[in-house]
Protein backbone atom coordinates (compact mmCIF):
# COMPACT_ATOMS: atom_id res chain seq x y z
CA MET A 1 88.02 125.85 116.71
CA ASP A 2 89.45 125.32 113.24
CA GLU A 3 89.03 122.03 111.41
CA GLY A 4 92.16 119.91 111.90
CA THR A 5 93.14 121.41 115.25
CA LYS A 6 93.85 118.80 117.90
CA ILE A 7 91.22 118.59 120.62
CA SER A 8 93.93 118.64 123.28
CA ASP A 9 95.23 121.96 121.90
CA HIS A 10 91.71 123.37 121.84
CA LEU A 11 91.07 122.22 125.42
CA SER A 12 94.31 123.81 126.52
CA THR A 13 93.34 127.12 124.91
CA LEU A 14 89.88 127.00 126.48
CA ASN A 15 91.34 126.21 129.92
CA ASN A 16 93.80 129.11 129.60
CA ILE A 17 90.96 131.52 128.78
CA VAL A 18 88.93 130.26 131.74
CA TYR A 19 91.97 130.55 134.03
CA GLU A 20 92.59 134.14 132.92
CA LEU A 21 88.94 135.05 133.48
CA GLU A 22 88.94 133.43 136.92
CA SER A 23 92.15 135.27 137.81
CA ILE A 24 90.25 138.54 137.39
CA GLU A 25 87.45 137.09 139.52
CA VAL A 26 84.96 136.25 136.77
CA LYS A 27 82.92 133.26 137.89
CA ILE A 28 82.43 130.61 135.17
CA ASP A 29 80.19 127.62 135.84
CA ASP A 30 81.29 124.16 134.74
CA GLU A 31 78.20 123.90 132.50
CA ASP A 32 79.02 127.20 130.79
CA LYS A 33 82.51 125.92 130.13
CA VAL A 34 81.08 122.68 128.68
CA LEU A 35 78.62 124.53 126.45
CA ARG A 36 81.37 126.82 125.16
CA LEU A 37 83.46 123.74 124.35
CA ILE A 38 80.61 121.94 122.57
CA LEU A 39 79.58 124.99 120.56
CA SER A 40 83.15 125.67 119.48
CA LEU A 41 83.65 122.23 117.92
CA PRO A 42 84.33 122.17 114.15
CA PRO A 43 81.75 120.92 111.60
CA SER A 44 83.20 117.40 111.59
CA TYR A 45 81.79 116.98 115.13
CA VAL A 46 78.26 118.06 114.20
CA HIS A 47 76.91 114.56 114.89
CA LEU A 48 78.36 114.62 118.42
CA LYS A 49 76.97 117.96 119.58
CA PRO A 50 73.35 116.83 120.21
CA VAL A 51 74.56 113.65 121.89
CA LEU A 52 76.65 115.66 124.34
CA MET A 53 74.10 118.40 125.00
CA TYR A 54 70.75 116.64 125.34
CA GLY A 55 69.42 113.93 127.65
CA LYS A 56 71.54 114.89 130.65
CA GLU A 57 70.57 116.66 133.85
CA SER A 58 73.95 118.34 134.12
CA LEU A 59 77.10 118.46 132.03
CA SER A 60 80.52 117.65 133.43
CA PHE A 61 83.53 119.23 131.70
CA GLU A 62 85.73 116.20 132.37
CA GLU A 63 83.14 113.77 131.00
CA VAL A 64 82.46 115.81 127.85
CA SER A 65 86.20 116.38 127.24
CA ALA A 66 86.86 112.66 127.52
CA LYS A 67 84.07 111.87 125.04
CA ILE A 68 85.35 114.44 122.56
CA ILE A 69 88.93 113.13 122.82
CA SER A 70 87.61 109.60 122.32
CA GLU A 71 85.69 110.73 119.23
CA GLU A 72 88.82 112.39 117.84
CA ARG A 73 90.72 109.11 118.22
CA ARG A 74 87.90 107.16 116.55
CA MET A 75 87.80 109.58 113.62
CA LYS A 76 91.58 109.38 113.15
CA ASN A 77 91.38 105.59 113.31
CA ASP A 78 88.67 105.59 110.63
CA GLU A 79 90.81 107.83 108.42
CA SER A 80 93.88 105.62 108.79
CA ASN A 81 91.81 102.47 108.12
CA SER A 82 90.36 103.94 104.94
CA LEU A 83 93.82 105.08 103.81
CA ARG A 84 95.24 101.63 104.57
CA SER A 85 92.49 99.93 102.58
CA MET A 86 93.09 102.32 99.66
CA LEU A 87 96.78 101.49 99.69
CA LEU A 88 96.09 97.77 99.83
CA SER A 89 93.74 97.96 96.89
CA ARG A 90 96.44 99.69 94.83
CA SER A 91 99.14 97.15 95.67
CA GLY A 92 99.50 93.39 95.99
CA ALA A 93 98.16 91.30 98.84
CA ASN A 94 101.48 91.50 100.67
CA GLY A 95 101.58 95.30 100.31
CA LYS A 96 104.14 95.32 97.48
CA LYS A 97 103.44 96.69 94.03
CA ILE A 98 102.99 94.01 91.40
CA HIS A 99 105.31 94.45 88.43
CA ALA A 100 104.64 92.64 85.16
CA LYS A 101 108.38 92.06 84.63
CA ASN A 102 108.24 89.40 87.36
CA MET A 103 105.28 87.58 85.81
CA SER A 104 104.86 85.30 82.87
CA CYS A 105 102.19 85.67 80.23
CA TRP A 106 99.44 83.02 80.40
CA LYS A 107 99.14 83.08 76.62
CA CYS A 108 102.72 82.77 75.35
CA GLY A 109 104.59 81.87 78.55
CA MET A 110 107.16 84.67 78.16
CA PHE A 111 108.20 86.88 81.08
CA GLY A 112 107.82 90.65 81.17
CA HIS A 113 104.18 91.14 80.27
CA LEU A 114 100.69 89.93 81.10
CA LYS A 115 98.21 88.13 78.88
CA ARG A 116 96.17 91.27 78.28
CA ASN A 117 99.33 92.98 76.94
CA CYS A 118 100.67 89.99 75.00
CA PRO A 119 102.51 91.09 71.83
CA SER A 120 101.55 87.85 70.06
CA GLY A 121 98.09 89.21 69.32
CA ALA A 122 94.66 89.74 70.80
CA VAL A 123 93.16 87.01 72.95
CA SER A 124 90.25 85.30 71.25
CA GLU A 125 87.06 84.57 73.17
CA LYS A 126 87.69 80.82 72.90
CA GLU A 127 91.23 81.16 74.28
CA SER A 128 89.90 83.35 77.05
CA GLU A 129 87.32 80.74 78.11
CA ALA A 130 89.88 77.91 77.95
CA SER A 131 92.46 79.78 80.00
CA SER A 132 89.97 80.93 82.61
CA SER A 133 89.74 77.37 83.89
CA ASN A 134 93.52 77.15 84.30
CA VAL A 135 95.23 78.41 87.42
CA SER A 136 98.87 79.46 87.54
CA LEU A 137 101.00 80.44 90.50
CA VAL A 138 103.45 83.27 90.05
CA LEU A 139 106.37 83.89 92.39
CA GLY A 140 107.92 87.31 92.83
CA ASP A 141 111.63 88.14 93.19
CA ASP A 142 111.56 87.28 96.89
CA ASP A 143 109.69 83.99 96.33
CA ASP A 144 106.42 85.46 97.59
CA LEU A 145 103.29 84.18 95.95
CA ILE A 146 101.78 86.95 93.83
């Protein structure tokens, strides 16, 4: 199985092969089918292989298939959660990009830039300490708190 292939597609392919072999009267045990499935999993499932293979008296194809499908869903969920958190960290709290044109500078009070980019000069250490105790609320174009 290639990395990125859906488990359901892989199961379908495996079932078709087993069906074709059984149609020419080749007997395939359920455990052989399960082992073939487990051993054909891509490297991203390496942690699941020992869990599925060891500690059981017998292996059921339906049970192992269900566990593999469940693992695929969990892995996709983890990927989407990490992507979502990356996107949130690159945008504002409400999911919108923060644009400096909507904000006012804490140093000069003018709109269109932030204090760190203020054209009126560098921020002195004393000004920085004094302004760090002040809190300002900034509203975006749609009156959302930024």
